[in-house]
Every structure is written in structure tokens, then in C-alpha cells.
Amino acid sequence: MDPALTINGTYSCSCSGGMMRCSAIDIPCCDTETGQWVNRDEKFFVMSNSFSAKCVCQRGRQRYSHCISLETPGGQQGRCYDSRGSRHVDVGSNFQQDRGYRGIWSCTCNRSLRLICRYVSSSRQG
């Protein structure tokens, strides 16, 4: 992508008690190697303390998929990124996500380093 190109994002904002609060709905991904924004379906590098891979940007809240691990053969490989929980999970891991009004979802990290999630039930109302 041309670094001079502007990529827009979509945010949801609310104003309550004089405080503004915004959250991302659909934003581009940030390539950690180049420092450039990438758009939907573009490949980019993702690196953190425990994970490095080349992935495909899915936008959303900087979601990505179809990752290829860049770890060395002796190093830790096979982790998916759970963007809702802001954490990495090992291949084969199963866990639940509470997606608020969208309910409870059961997720599994598959061998392609992609989270596969299915609806389980409505959210618990407190």
C-alpha cells in the first residue's frame, strides 16, 4: 500500500457525564515491521513478546487471520491471537468469549493459526 494513502477507520463514540468514550469498530492493521497501515486482505507482520507471524489483515478491531508463524523450528510455534481477550492462545486451545449482546461463543485455535468460534448461548444478564 502506498504510505501516502489515507486509510479511514470507523469508531463508535458515546458521551456520558461529560466524558467521551470511543471504541474501534473497523480499523486497518499496523505492520510492526514497516510501521505502515495495511488494509483488508493485505499481508503484514505481527510481532509481540511471545508471537511473530505474517498474517492477513481482516480489519474490524485490527483483526487478522491466515497467519504463518515466523518462529524458529526450536521455538514456540502455533499461536492464535484472541483480539477480544488481547492474548495469544496455543493451537488446540479451547476457550469461551463473552461478546456482550452477541452472547457467549466457544473458540478453538486451529492448525492454520485461525480462531474458529461458534455461538453457544446468550450472555448472562446481571
N, C-alpha and C. Protein backbone atom coordinates (compact mmCIF):
# COMPACT_ATOMS: atom_id res chain seq x y z
N MET A 1 0.83 -1.17 0.00
CA MET A 1 0.00 0.00 0.00
C MET A 1 0.88 1.24 0.00
N ASP A 2 0.45 2.23 -0.73
CA ASP A 2 1.16 3.49 -0.80
C ASP A 2 1.15 4.16 0.57
N PRO A 3 2.33 4.47 1.16
CA PRO A 3 2.37 5.07 2.50
C PRO A 3 1.68 6.43 2.56
N ALA A 4 1.52 7.09 1.42
CA ALA A 4 0.86 8.40 1.42
C ALA A 4 -0.66 8.26 1.41
N LEU A 5 -1.16 7.05 1.16
CA LEU A 5 -2.60 6.82 1.09
C LEU A 5 -3.21 6.89 2.48
N THR A 6 -4.31 7.60 2.58
CA THR A 6 -5.03 7.70 3.85
C THR A 6 -6.00 6.53 3.95
N ILE A 7 -5.99 5.85 5.08
CA ILE A 7 -6.95 4.78 5.32
C ILE A 7 -7.83 5.23 6.47
N ASN A 8 -9.12 5.22 6.24
CA ASN A 8 -10.06 5.63 7.26
C ASN A 8 -10.50 4.46 8.11
N GLY A 9 -10.93 4.76 9.32
CA GLY A 9 -11.47 3.76 10.23
C GLY A 9 -12.83 4.21 10.72
N THR A 10 -13.56 3.29 11.33
CA THR A 10 -14.88 3.60 11.87
C THR A 10 -14.85 3.38 13.38
N TYR A 11 -15.38 4.33 14.12
CA TYR A 11 -15.40 4.27 15.57
C TYR A 11 -16.81 4.49 16.08
N SER A 12 -17.09 3.96 17.26
CA SER A 12 -18.36 4.21 17.93
C SER A 12 -18.04 5.04 19.17
N CYS A 13 -18.71 6.17 19.33
CA CYS A 13 -18.43 7.03 20.48
C CYS A 13 -19.71 7.34 21.26
N SER A 14 -19.53 7.54 22.55
CA SER A 14 -20.65 7.94 23.39
C SER A 14 -20.20 9.07 24.31
N CYS A 15 -21.17 9.86 24.75
CA CYS A 15 -20.90 10.96 25.66
C CYS A 15 -21.78 10.75 26.88
N SER A 16 -21.16 10.56 28.04
CA SER A 16 -21.91 10.33 29.26
C SER A 16 -21.24 11.06 30.41
N GLY A 17 -22.00 11.86 31.11
CA GLY A 17 -21.47 12.59 32.26
C GLY A 17 -20.31 13.50 31.89
N GLY A 18 -20.31 14.05 30.69
CA GLY A 18 -19.25 14.95 30.26
C GLY A 18 -17.99 14.23 29.81
N MET A 19 -18.03 12.90 29.73
CA MET A 19 -16.87 12.11 29.31
C MET A 19 -17.16 11.48 27.96
N MET A 20 -16.22 11.59 27.04
CA MET A 20 -16.37 10.95 25.74
C MET A 20 -15.61 9.62 25.77
N ARG A 21 -16.26 8.58 25.23
CA ARG A 21 -15.62 7.27 25.16
C ARG A 21 -15.82 6.72 23.76
N CYS A 22 -14.73 6.32 23.12
CA CYS A 22 -14.79 5.79 21.76
C CYS A 22 -14.13 4.42 21.70
N SER A 23 -14.66 3.57 20.84
CA SER A 23 -14.03 2.26 20.60
C SER A 23 -14.04 2.00 19.10
N ALA A 24 -13.03 1.28 18.65
CA ALA A 24 -12.87 0.99 17.23
C ALA A 24 -13.89 -0.05 16.79
N ILE A 25 -14.47 0.17 15.63
CA ILE A 25 -15.38 -0.80 15.02
C ILE A 25 -14.71 -1.43 13.81
N ASP A 26 -14.07 -0.62 12.98
CA ASP A 26 -13.43 -1.12 11.77
C ASP A 26 -12.21 -0.25 11.48
N ILE A 27 -11.02 -0.76 11.83
CA ILE A 27 -9.80 0.00 11.61
C ILE A 27 -8.78 -0.87 10.88
N PRO A 28 -7.82 -0.25 10.19
CA PRO A 28 -6.79 -1.02 9.48
C PRO A 28 -5.83 -1.67 10.48
N CYS A 29 -4.94 -2.50 9.96
CA CYS A 29 -3.93 -3.18 10.78
C CYS A 29 -2.61 -2.42 10.67
N CYS A 30 -1.78 -2.55 11.69
CA CYS A 30 -0.48 -1.88 11.69
C CYS A 30 0.62 -2.93 11.52
N ASP A 31 1.42 -2.77 10.47
CA ASP A 31 2.54 -3.68 10.22
C ASP A 31 3.66 -3.33 11.19
N THR A 32 4.02 -4.26 12.07
CA THR A 32 5.02 -3.97 13.09
C THR A 32 6.43 -3.89 12.52
N GLU A 33 6.64 -4.41 11.31
CA GLU A 33 7.96 -4.34 10.69
C GLU A 33 8.19 -3.00 9.99
N THR A 34 7.17 -2.53 9.27
CA THR A 34 7.33 -1.29 8.49
C THR A 34 6.75 -0.06 9.18
N GLY A 35 5.85 -0.27 10.15
CA GLY A 35 5.18 0.84 10.81
C GLY A 35 4.10 1.47 9.95
N GLN A 36 3.70 0.79 8.88
CA GLN A 36 2.68 1.31 7.97
C GLN A 36 1.33 0.66 8.24
N TRP A 37 0.25 1.38 7.91
CA TRP A 37 -1.09 0.83 7.98
C TRP A 37 -1.30 -0.08 6.79
N VAL A 38 -2.02 -1.17 7.00
CA VAL A 38 -2.40 -2.06 5.90
C VAL A 38 -3.91 -2.24 5.91
N ASN A 39 -4.48 -2.46 4.73
CA ASN A 39 -5.91 -2.56 4.58
C ASN A 39 -6.36 -4.02 4.52
N ARG A 40 -7.65 -4.24 4.44
CA ARG A 40 -8.24 -5.58 4.38
C ARG A 40 -7.59 -6.41 3.27
N ASP A 41 -7.33 -7.67 3.60
CA ASP A 41 -6.78 -8.68 2.69
C ASP A 41 -5.32 -8.46 2.31
N GLU A 42 -4.64 -7.52 2.96
CA GLU A 42 -3.21 -7.33 2.71
C GLU A 42 -2.41 -8.08 3.77
N LYS A 43 -1.25 -8.60 3.37
CA LYS A 43 -0.37 -9.32 4.30
C LYS A 43 0.48 -8.32 5.06
N PHE A 44 0.76 -8.65 6.32
CA PHE A 44 1.58 -7.76 7.15
C PHE A 44 2.20 -8.56 8.28
N PHE A 45 3.17 -7.96 8.97
CA PHE A 45 3.88 -8.63 10.07
C PHE A 45 3.27 -8.25 11.41
N VAL A 46 3.08 -9.26 12.25
CA VAL A 46 2.57 -9.10 13.60
C VAL A 46 3.66 -9.62 14.54
N MET A 47 4.10 -8.79 15.48
CA MET A 47 5.11 -9.22 16.44
C MET A 47 4.76 -8.72 17.83
N SER A 48 4.93 -9.59 18.81
CA SER A 48 4.76 -9.21 20.20
C SER A 48 5.83 -9.95 20.99
N ASN A 49 5.78 -9.88 22.29
CA ASN A 49 6.78 -10.57 23.12
C ASN A 49 6.79 -12.07 22.91
N SER A 50 5.63 -12.66 22.58
CA SER A 50 5.55 -14.11 22.50
C SER A 50 5.07 -14.63 21.15
N PHE A 51 5.02 -13.79 20.13
CA PHE A 51 4.43 -14.22 18.86
C PHE A 51 4.96 -13.37 17.73
N SER A 52 5.36 -13.99 16.65
CA SER A 52 5.70 -13.25 15.43
C SER A 52 5.24 -14.07 14.24
N ALA A 53 4.54 -13.40 13.33
CA ALA A 53 3.96 -14.10 12.19
C ALA A 53 3.67 -13.12 11.07
N LYS A 54 3.45 -13.67 9.89
CA LYS A 54 2.95 -12.89 8.77
C LYS A 54 1.49 -13.29 8.63
N CYS A 55 0.59 -12.30 8.63
CA CYS A 55 -0.85 -12.54 8.66
C CYS A 55 -1.55 -11.74 7.58
N VAL A 56 -2.85 -11.99 7.43
CA VAL A 56 -3.69 -11.24 6.51
C VAL A 56 -4.62 -10.37 7.34
N CYS A 57 -4.65 -9.08 7.04
CA CYS A 57 -5.49 -8.13 7.77
C CYS A 57 -6.96 -8.37 7.45
N GLN A 58 -7.78 -8.43 8.50
CA GLN A 58 -9.23 -8.58 8.35
C GLN A 58 -9.96 -7.31 8.77
N ARG A 59 -9.20 -6.27 9.14
CA ARG A 59 -9.75 -5.02 9.66
C ARG A 59 -10.54 -5.28 10.93
N GLY A 60 -11.80 -4.85 11.02
CA GLY A 60 -12.52 -4.97 12.29
C GLY A 60 -11.78 -4.18 13.34
N ARG A 61 -11.54 -4.79 14.49
CA ARG A 61 -10.74 -4.15 15.55
C ARG A 61 -9.30 -4.64 15.44
N GLN A 62 -8.71 -4.39 14.29
CA GLN A 62 -7.38 -4.86 13.92
C GLN A 62 -7.31 -6.37 13.98
N ARG A 63 -8.32 -7.04 13.49
CA ARG A 63 -8.33 -8.50 13.45
C ARG A 63 -7.48 -8.98 12.28
N TYR A 64 -6.92 -10.17 12.44
CA TYR A 64 -6.15 -10.78 11.37
C TYR A 64 -6.33 -12.28 11.40
N SER A 65 -5.96 -12.93 10.28
CA SER A 65 -6.13 -14.37 10.17
C SER A 65 -5.08 -14.92 9.20
N HIS A 66 -5.15 -16.22 8.94
CA HIS A 66 -4.27 -16.90 8.00
C HIS A 66 -2.80 -16.56 8.29
N CYS A 67 -2.40 -16.74 9.53
CA CYS A 67 -1.05 -16.40 9.95
C CYS A 67 -0.07 -17.55 9.68
N ILE A 68 1.14 -17.18 9.31
CA ILE A 68 2.23 -18.13 9.15
C ILE A 68 3.28 -17.74 10.18
N SER A 69 3.54 -18.66 11.10
CA SER A 69 4.48 -18.38 12.19
C SER A 69 5.88 -18.12 11.64
N LEU A 70 6.57 -17.15 12.21
CA LEU A 70 7.94 -16.82 11.84
C LEU A 70 8.93 -17.31 12.88
N GLU A 71 8.44 -18.10 13.84
CA GLU A 71 9.31 -18.61 14.90
C GLU A 71 10.27 -19.66 14.33
N THR A 72 11.40 -19.82 14.97
CA THR A 72 12.37 -20.84 14.56
C THR A 72 11.84 -22.22 14.90
N PRO A 73 12.29 -23.27 14.20
CA PRO A 73 11.76 -24.62 14.46
C PRO A 73 11.88 -25.05 15.91
N GLY A 74 12.90 -24.61 16.64
CA GLY A 74 13.05 -24.99 18.04
C GLY A 74 12.24 -24.12 18.98
N GLY A 75 11.72 -23.01 18.47
CA GLY A 75 10.98 -22.08 19.31
C GLY A 75 9.52 -22.45 19.41
N GLN A 76 8.79 -21.67 20.16
CA GLN A 76 7.36 -21.92 20.33
C GLN A 76 6.63 -21.52 19.07
N GLN A 77 5.82 -22.44 18.55
CA GLN A 77 5.07 -22.17 17.34
C GLN A 77 3.60 -22.44 17.57
N GLY A 78 2.79 -21.93 16.68
CA GLY A 78 1.38 -22.25 16.69
C GLY A 78 0.59 -21.52 17.75
N ARG A 79 0.36 -20.24 17.55
CA ARG A 79 -0.46 -19.47 18.46
C ARG A 79 -1.40 -18.60 17.65
N CYS A 80 -2.63 -18.48 18.12
CA CYS A 80 -3.62 -17.59 17.53
C CYS A 80 -3.73 -16.36 18.42
N TYR A 81 -4.22 -15.28 17.86
CA TYR A 81 -4.43 -14.08 18.65
C TYR A 81 -5.92 -13.90 18.90
N ASP A 82 -6.30 -13.83 20.17
CA ASP A 82 -7.67 -13.57 20.58
C ASP A 82 -7.79 -12.07 20.79
N SER A 83 -8.31 -11.36 19.78
CA SER A 83 -8.36 -9.90 19.86
C SER A 83 -9.32 -9.41 20.94
N ARG A 84 -10.34 -10.18 21.26
CA ARG A 84 -11.28 -9.77 22.31
C ARG A 84 -10.63 -9.86 23.69
N GLY A 85 -9.80 -10.87 23.89
CA GLY A 85 -9.13 -11.03 25.18
C GLY A 85 -7.73 -10.45 25.19
N SER A 86 -7.29 -9.89 24.04
CA SER A 86 -5.94 -9.32 23.89
C SER A 86 -4.88 -10.29 24.38
N ARG A 87 -4.93 -11.52 23.86
CA ARG A 87 -3.97 -12.54 24.28
C ARG A 87 -3.72 -13.52 23.15
N HIS A 88 -2.62 -14.25 23.26
CA HIS A 88 -2.31 -15.30 22.31
C HIS A 88 -2.66 -16.65 22.95
N VAL A 89 -3.18 -17.56 22.14
CA VAL A 89 -3.56 -18.89 22.63
C VAL A 89 -2.91 -19.95 21.75
N ASP A 90 -2.54 -21.07 22.35
CA ASP A 90 -1.87 -22.15 21.63
C ASP A 90 -2.82 -22.90 20.71
N VAL A 91 -2.26 -23.50 19.65
CA VAL A 91 -3.04 -24.35 18.76
C VAL A 91 -3.70 -25.44 19.58
N GLY A 92 -4.97 -25.68 19.31
CA GLY A 92 -5.74 -26.70 20.04
C GLY A 92 -6.43 -26.17 21.28
N SER A 93 -6.09 -24.94 21.69
CA SER A 93 -6.73 -24.37 22.89
C SER A 93 -8.19 -24.07 22.61
N ASN A 94 -9.03 -24.35 23.62
CA ASN A 94 -10.45 -24.03 23.57
C ASN A 94 -10.75 -23.06 24.70
N PHE A 95 -11.57 -22.06 24.41
CA PHE A 95 -11.95 -21.09 25.44
C PHE A 95 -13.25 -20.43 25.02
N GLN A 96 -13.84 -19.70 25.94
CA GLN A 96 -15.09 -19.01 25.65
C GLN A 96 -14.87 -17.50 25.62
N GLN A 97 -15.61 -16.85 24.73
CA GLN A 97 -15.61 -15.40 24.65
C GLN A 97 -17.00 -14.90 24.99
N ASP A 98 -17.07 -13.87 25.83
CA ASP A 98 -18.34 -13.22 26.11
C ASP A 98 -18.39 -11.99 25.20
N ARG A 99 -19.25 -12.04 24.20
CA ARG A 99 -19.33 -10.96 23.23
C ARG A 99 -20.49 -10.01 23.52
N GLY A 100 -20.79 -9.84 24.81
CA GLY A 100 -21.83 -8.90 25.21
C GLY A 100 -23.18 -9.30 24.66
N TYR A 101 -23.87 -8.36 24.01
CA TYR A 101 -25.22 -8.63 23.49
C TYR A 101 -25.22 -9.74 22.42
N ARG A 102 -24.03 -10.09 21.85
CA ARG A 102 -23.95 -11.15 20.85
C ARG A 102 -23.80 -12.53 21.48
N GLY A 103 -23.72 -12.58 22.81
CA GLY A 103 -23.73 -13.85 23.53
C GLY A 103 -22.36 -14.46 23.81
N ILE A 104 -22.40 -15.72 24.25
CA ILE A 104 -21.21 -16.49 24.59
C ILE A 104 -20.82 -17.34 23.38
N TRP A 105 -19.54 -17.32 23.03
CA TRP A 105 -19.03 -18.08 21.89
C TRP A 105 -17.92 -19.00 22.36
N SER A 106 -17.85 -20.20 21.80
CA SER A 106 -16.78 -21.15 22.08
C SER A 106 -15.78 -21.08 20.94
N CYS A 107 -14.49 -20.90 21.26
CA CYS A 107 -13.46 -20.71 20.24
C CYS A 107 -12.35 -21.75 20.37
N THR A 108 -11.77 -22.11 19.23
CA THR A 108 -10.66 -23.05 19.16
C THR A 108 -9.62 -22.47 18.21
N CYS A 109 -8.35 -22.56 18.59
CA CYS A 109 -7.24 -22.15 17.72
C CYS A 109 -6.86 -23.36 16.86
N ASN A 110 -7.05 -23.25 15.52
CA ASN A 110 -6.74 -24.40 14.68
C ASN A 110 -5.30 -24.36 14.16
N ARG A 111 -4.90 -25.40 13.43
CA ARG A 111 -3.51 -25.52 12.97
C ARG A 111 -3.12 -24.46 11.94
N SER A 112 -4.10 -23.82 11.33
CA SER A 112 -3.82 -22.74 10.39
C SER A 112 -3.65 -21.41 11.12
N LEU A 113 -3.60 -21.47 12.45
CA LEU A 113 -3.46 -20.30 13.32
C LEU A 113 -4.63 -19.35 13.13
N ARG A 114 -5.82 -19.93 13.04
CA ARG A 114 -7.04 -19.15 12.89
C ARG A 114 -8.02 -19.56 13.98
N LEU A 115 -8.64 -18.56 14.61
CA LEU A 115 -9.66 -18.86 15.62
C LEU A 115 -10.96 -19.24 14.94
N ILE A 116 -11.51 -20.38 15.33
CA ILE A 116 -12.80 -20.82 14.83
C ILE A 116 -13.75 -20.72 16.02
N CYS A 117 -14.78 -19.87 15.89
CA CYS A 117 -15.70 -19.63 17.00
C CYS A 117 -17.12 -19.98 16.59
N ARG A 118 -17.87 -20.52 17.53
CA ARG A 118 -19.27 -20.83 17.28
C ARG A 118 -20.10 -20.35 18.45
N TYR A 119 -21.32 -19.93 18.13
CA TYR A 119 -22.25 -19.42 19.13
C TYR A 119 -22.66 -20.53 20.10
N VAL A 120 -22.67 -20.21 21.40
CA VAL A 120 -23.06 -21.18 22.42
C VAL A 120 -24.39 -20.79 23.07
N SER A 121 -24.46 -19.57 23.61
CA SER A 121 -25.68 -19.14 24.28
C SER A 121 -25.70 -17.62 24.42
N SER A 122 -26.83 -17.10 24.90
CA SER A 122 -26.93 -15.66 25.11
C SER A 122 -26.10 -15.28 26.34
N SER A 123 -25.72 -14.01 26.42
CA SER A 123 -24.93 -13.53 27.55
C SER A 123 -25.74 -13.58 28.84
N ARG A 124 -24.99 -13.78 29.90
CA ARG A 124 -25.63 -13.73 31.22
C ARG A 124 -25.94 -12.28 31.54
N GLN A 125 -27.14 -11.99 31.94
CA GLN A 125 -27.53 -10.64 32.32
C GLN A 125 -27.43 -10.51 33.83
N GLY A 126 -26.73 -9.48 34.29
CA GLY A 126 -26.51 -9.35 35.71
C GLY A 126 -27.31 -8.36 36.41
